[in-house]
Amino acid sequence: MNQTQLLTPVEGQWLLRLAREALEAGVRGQALPPVPADLPPRLWEPGAAFVTLRTKDTGRLRGCIGSIVATRPLVEDVRAHAVDAALHDPRFPPVTPAELPNLALEVSYLTPLQPLAYTSPEDLLAKLRPGVDGVLLRDGWRQATFLPQVWHSLPDPASFLTHLCMKMGAEPTCWQRPLEVFTYQVQAFQEPDYWEAD
C-alpha cells in the first residue's frame, strides 16, 4: 500500500468508532446513528473494507464481512459491514446484545485488486507474499478471498490456497489449475482488546 493510499491514525480511529456504534445499534435492532458532521472528508470517498469481530476472551472469530471493490463511501461501507458481520455472517448465529461487551473489532481498508499473472502452480506459490497480500481466487461465477491476516493461521502458501479453494466451494486443489488470481493489501485498525487465537 503506497503512502498516498494510507489512512491517517485519526481516520482509522474514526472508522473504529463508527463501526462500534453501528455494531451496537444493529445488534440491538436500533437505527444507525447519524454520521457526525466533523467526519474527515477522506472517509466520504469511495472505499472497500472488511469488518472482523473476535471474542476478547478467546480471540476466536465471531464474524467477518466486507467488500472487495469500492462501491460507496468508505464510512458507509464500514458501518454496513459492522452490522453484517454481527448479524449476517452465514458461518455464525447472529450476535446477541449480551455478547457485545466481549467482542472486539478490526476494520481492514483494502487497496484495489491487482491481477496476478502466473505460469504454473509453482509460479503462483512463488509470487504470493505471505503476511502481505490478500488473495482473491475467481473460477467462473465463484470467488473467495482471504485477507492478509489469514496468513497468521495458514502461513504455508499451498495450505493457504487449498483452504481458499474450499472456502470458494471448489475442490481443495483448484489452485493447481488455471484460475483468475488477484491480490490486494490492507491497512488494519483494531480496538485495544482485539487479538487472534492461534
Protein backbone atom coordinates (compact mmCIF):
# COMPACT_ATOMS: atom_id res chain seq x y z
CA MET A 1 0.00 0.00 0.00
CA ASN A 2 1.64 3.25 -1.05
CA GLN A 3 1.74 6.27 1.20
CA THR A 4 -0.87 8.24 -0.75
CA GLN A 5 -3.43 5.46 -0.15
CA LEU A 6 -2.85 5.20 3.60
CA LEU A 7 -5.40 6.48 6.05
CA THR A 8 -4.14 8.52 8.99
CA PRO A 9 -4.34 7.09 12.53
CA VAL A 10 -7.07 9.65 13.25
CA GLU A 11 -9.10 8.44 10.27
CA GLY A 12 -8.60 4.85 11.43
CA GLN A 13 -9.90 5.72 14.89
CA TRP A 14 -12.94 7.33 13.30
CA LEU A 15 -13.66 4.09 11.40
CA LEU A 16 -13.36 2.03 14.59
CA ARG A 17 -15.71 4.37 16.45
CA LEU A 18 -18.29 4.35 13.65
CA ALA A 19 -18.05 0.57 13.26
CA ARG A 20 -18.58 0.10 17.01
CA GLU A 21 -21.59 2.43 17.04
CA ALA A 22 -23.11 0.59 14.06
CA LEU A 23 -22.40 -2.80 15.63
CA GLU A 24 -24.07 -1.86 18.90
CA ALA A 25 -27.10 -0.30 17.20
CA GLY A 26 -27.53 -3.12 14.71
CA VAL A 27 -27.38 -5.89 17.30
CA ARG A 28 -29.90 -4.04 19.47
CA GLY A 29 -32.25 -3.55 16.49
CA GLN A 30 -31.86 0.23 16.55
CA ALA A 31 -31.39 2.66 13.67
CA LEU A 32 -27.80 3.63 12.97
CA PRO A 33 -26.85 6.99 14.49
CA PRO A 34 -26.22 9.84 12.04
CA VAL A 35 -22.67 10.27 10.80
CA PRO A 36 -21.02 13.15 12.72
CA ALA A 37 -20.67 16.40 10.80
CA ASP A 38 -16.95 16.65 11.62
CA LEU A 39 -16.06 13.34 9.91
CA PRO A 40 -12.78 13.67 7.96
CA PRO A 41 -13.63 14.25 4.25
CA ARG A 42 -11.41 11.34 3.14
CA LEU A 43 -13.84 8.88 4.74
CA TRP A 44 -16.62 10.06 2.42
CA GLU A 45 -14.58 8.95 -0.60
CA PRO A 46 -15.33 5.53 -2.15
CA GLY A 47 -13.58 2.74 -0.30
CA ALA A 48 -13.72 -1.00 0.31
CA ALA A 49 -13.35 -2.53 3.76
CA PHE A 50 -13.86 -5.65 5.85
CA VAL A 51 -15.03 -5.67 9.45
CA THR A 52 -13.91 -8.61 11.60
CA LEU A 53 -15.34 -9.46 15.03
CA ARG A 54 -13.45 -11.57 17.56
CA THR A 55 -14.12 -12.52 21.15
CA LYS A 56 -11.99 -10.65 23.68
CA ASP A 57 -11.55 -13.65 25.98
CA THR A 58 -10.54 -16.31 23.42
CA GLY A 59 -9.62 -14.37 20.26
CA ARG A 60 -11.98 -16.56 18.23
CA LEU A 61 -13.62 -15.33 15.04
CA ARG A 62 -17.26 -14.28 15.53
CA GLY A 63 -17.99 -12.68 12.17
CA CYS A 64 -16.28 -11.15 9.13
CA ILE A 65 -17.95 -9.42 6.19
CA GLY A 66 -16.62 -6.95 3.67
CA SER A 67 -16.29 -5.59 0.15
CA ILE A 68 -13.52 -6.25 -2.32
CA VAL A 69 -14.41 -3.36 -4.64
CA ALA A 70 -15.27 0.20 -3.59
CA THR A 71 -18.90 0.94 -4.48
CA ARG A 72 -19.89 3.52 -1.83
CA PRO A 73 -18.31 5.94 0.65
CA LEU A 74 -15.85 4.20 2.96
CA VAL A 75 -17.74 5.33 6.06
CA GLU A 76 -20.95 3.71 4.78
CA ASP A 77 -19.11 0.54 3.76
CA VAL A 78 -17.65 0.15 7.23
CA ARG A 79 -20.92 0.83 9.04
CA ALA A 80 -22.84 -1.64 6.88
CA HIS A 81 -20.24 -4.37 7.29
CA ALA A 82 -20.09 -3.94 11.06
CA VAL A 83 -23.80 -4.80 11.19
CA ASP A 84 -23.49 -7.57 8.61
CA ALA A 85 -20.53 -9.20 10.39
CA ALA A 86 -22.62 -9.39 13.55
CA LEU A 87 -25.95 -10.42 12.07
CA HIS A 88 -25.45 -11.90 8.60
CA ASP A 89 -22.23 -13.97 8.51
CA PRO A 90 -23.65 -17.36 7.46
CA ARG A 91 -20.97 -19.21 9.44
CA PHE A 92 -22.30 -17.99 12.78
CA PRO A 93 -25.58 -17.35 14.60
CA PRO A 94 -26.44 -13.64 14.94
CA VAL A 95 -24.61 -11.77 17.71
CA THR A 96 -26.80 -11.09 20.74
CA PRO A 97 -26.72 -7.92 22.88
CA ALA A 98 -25.28 -9.97 25.75
CA GLU A 99 -22.20 -10.77 23.63
CA LEU A 100 -21.33 -7.16 22.80
CA PRO A 101 -19.07 -6.48 25.82
CA ASN A 102 -16.91 -9.49 24.88
CA LEU A 103 -16.44 -8.52 21.22
CA ALA A 104 -13.58 -6.51 19.74
CA LEU A 105 -13.42 -5.42 16.13
CA GLU A 106 -10.95 -4.79 13.37
CA VAL A 107 -11.51 -2.63 10.29
CA SER A 108 -9.41 -3.52 7.23
CA TYR A 109 -9.18 -0.88 4.49
CA LEU A 110 -8.40 -2.51 1.13
CA THR A 111 -6.31 -1.38 -1.82
CA PRO A 112 -7.75 -2.00 -5.32
CA LEU A 113 -7.46 -5.55 -6.68
CA GLN A 114 -4.42 -6.28 -8.85
CA PRO A 115 -4.43 -9.27 -11.24
CA LEU A 116 -1.61 -11.72 -10.55
CA ALA A 117 -0.14 -13.27 -13.70
CA TYR A 118 1.45 -16.68 -13.24
CA THR A 119 2.55 -19.56 -15.47
CA SER A 120 2.20 -22.64 -13.25
CA PRO A 121 1.10 -23.68 -9.74
CA GLU A 122 4.72 -23.42 -8.62
CA ASP A 123 5.00 -19.92 -10.05
CA LEU A 124 1.79 -18.92 -8.24
CA LEU A 125 3.18 -20.15 -4.92
CA ALA A 126 6.43 -18.26 -5.52
CA LYS A 127 4.65 -14.98 -6.32
CA LEU A 128 2.45 -14.87 -3.21
CA ARG A 129 3.71 -12.70 -0.35
CA PRO A 130 2.67 -14.31 2.96
CA GLY A 131 1.57 -11.77 5.54
CA VAL A 132 1.38 -9.00 2.91
CA ASP A 133 -1.11 -9.97 0.24
CA GLY A 134 -4.78 -10.70 0.49
CA VAL A 135 -5.75 -13.16 -2.23
CA LEU A 136 -8.93 -13.48 -4.26
CA LEU A 137 -9.50 -16.60 -6.38
CA ARG A 138 -12.10 -16.49 -9.14
CA ASP A 139 -13.35 -19.55 -11.02
CA GLY A 140 -16.18 -18.57 -13.36
CA TRP A 141 -19.03 -17.29 -11.18
CA ARG A 142 -17.42 -18.48 -7.94
CA GLN A 143 -14.92 -16.47 -5.97
CA ALA A 144 -13.50 -16.28 -2.46
CA THR A 145 -10.93 -14.23 -0.63
CA PHE A 146 -8.69 -14.39 2.41
CA LEU A 147 -7.45 -11.16 3.99
CA PRO A 148 -3.69 -10.91 4.60
CA GLN A 149 -4.40 -11.54 8.30
CA VAL A 150 -5.30 -15.17 7.45
CA TRP A 151 -1.61 -15.88 6.78
CA HIS A 152 -1.27 -15.79 10.59
CA SER A 153 -3.12 -19.12 10.84
CA LEU A 154 -2.20 -20.51 7.39
CA PRO A 155 1.43 -19.46 6.80
CA ASP A 156 2.18 -22.07 4.10
CA PRO A 157 1.17 -20.78 0.63
CA ALA A 158 -0.08 -24.17 -0.61
CA SER A 159 -2.19 -24.65 2.51
CA PHE A 160 -3.45 -21.05 2.24
CA LEU A 161 -4.62 -21.65 -1.33
CA THR A 162 -6.09 -25.08 -0.50
CA HIS A 163 -8.25 -23.58 2.24
CA LEU A 164 -9.23 -20.70 -0.04
CA CYS A 165 -10.38 -23.19 -2.71
CA MET A 166 -12.53 -24.94 -0.10
CA LYS A 167 -13.98 -21.61 1.04
CA MET A 168 -14.94 -20.98 -2.60
CA GLY A 169 -16.75 -24.33 -2.68
CA ALA A 170 -14.28 -25.87 -5.13
CA GLU A 171 -12.03 -28.89 -4.85
CA PRO A 172 -9.07 -28.31 -2.48
CA THR A 173 -6.58 -28.49 -5.37
CA CYS A 174 -8.41 -25.98 -7.59
CA TRP A 175 -5.45 -23.58 -7.36
CA GLN A 176 -3.34 -26.10 -9.31
CA ARG A 177 -5.38 -25.42 -12.47
CA PRO A 178 -5.71 -22.08 -14.28
CA LEU A 179 -7.78 -19.58 -12.27
CA GLU A 180 -8.07 -15.82 -12.09
CA VAL A 181 -5.96 -14.68 -9.13
CA PHE A 182 -5.94 -11.19 -7.67
CA THR A 183 -4.00 -9.70 -4.78
CA TYR A 184 -4.52 -6.65 -2.59
CA GLN A 185 -3.18 -5.20 0.64
CA VAL A 186 -4.92 -3.86 3.72
CA GLN A 187 -4.40 -1.23 6.36
CA ALA A 188 -5.87 -2.68 9.54
CA PHE A 189 -7.16 -0.79 12.58
CA GLN A 190 -8.03 -2.67 15.76
CA GLU A 191 -9.73 -1.97 19.03
CA PRO A 192 -7.40 -2.38 22.05
CA ASP A 193 -8.77 -5.78 23.12
CA TYR A 194 -8.67 -7.30 19.63
CA TRP A 195 -6.47 -10.37 19.20
CA GLU A 196 -6.37 -13.55 17.13
CA ALA A 197 -6.14 -17.00 18.64
CA ASP A 198 -3.53 -19.26 17.05
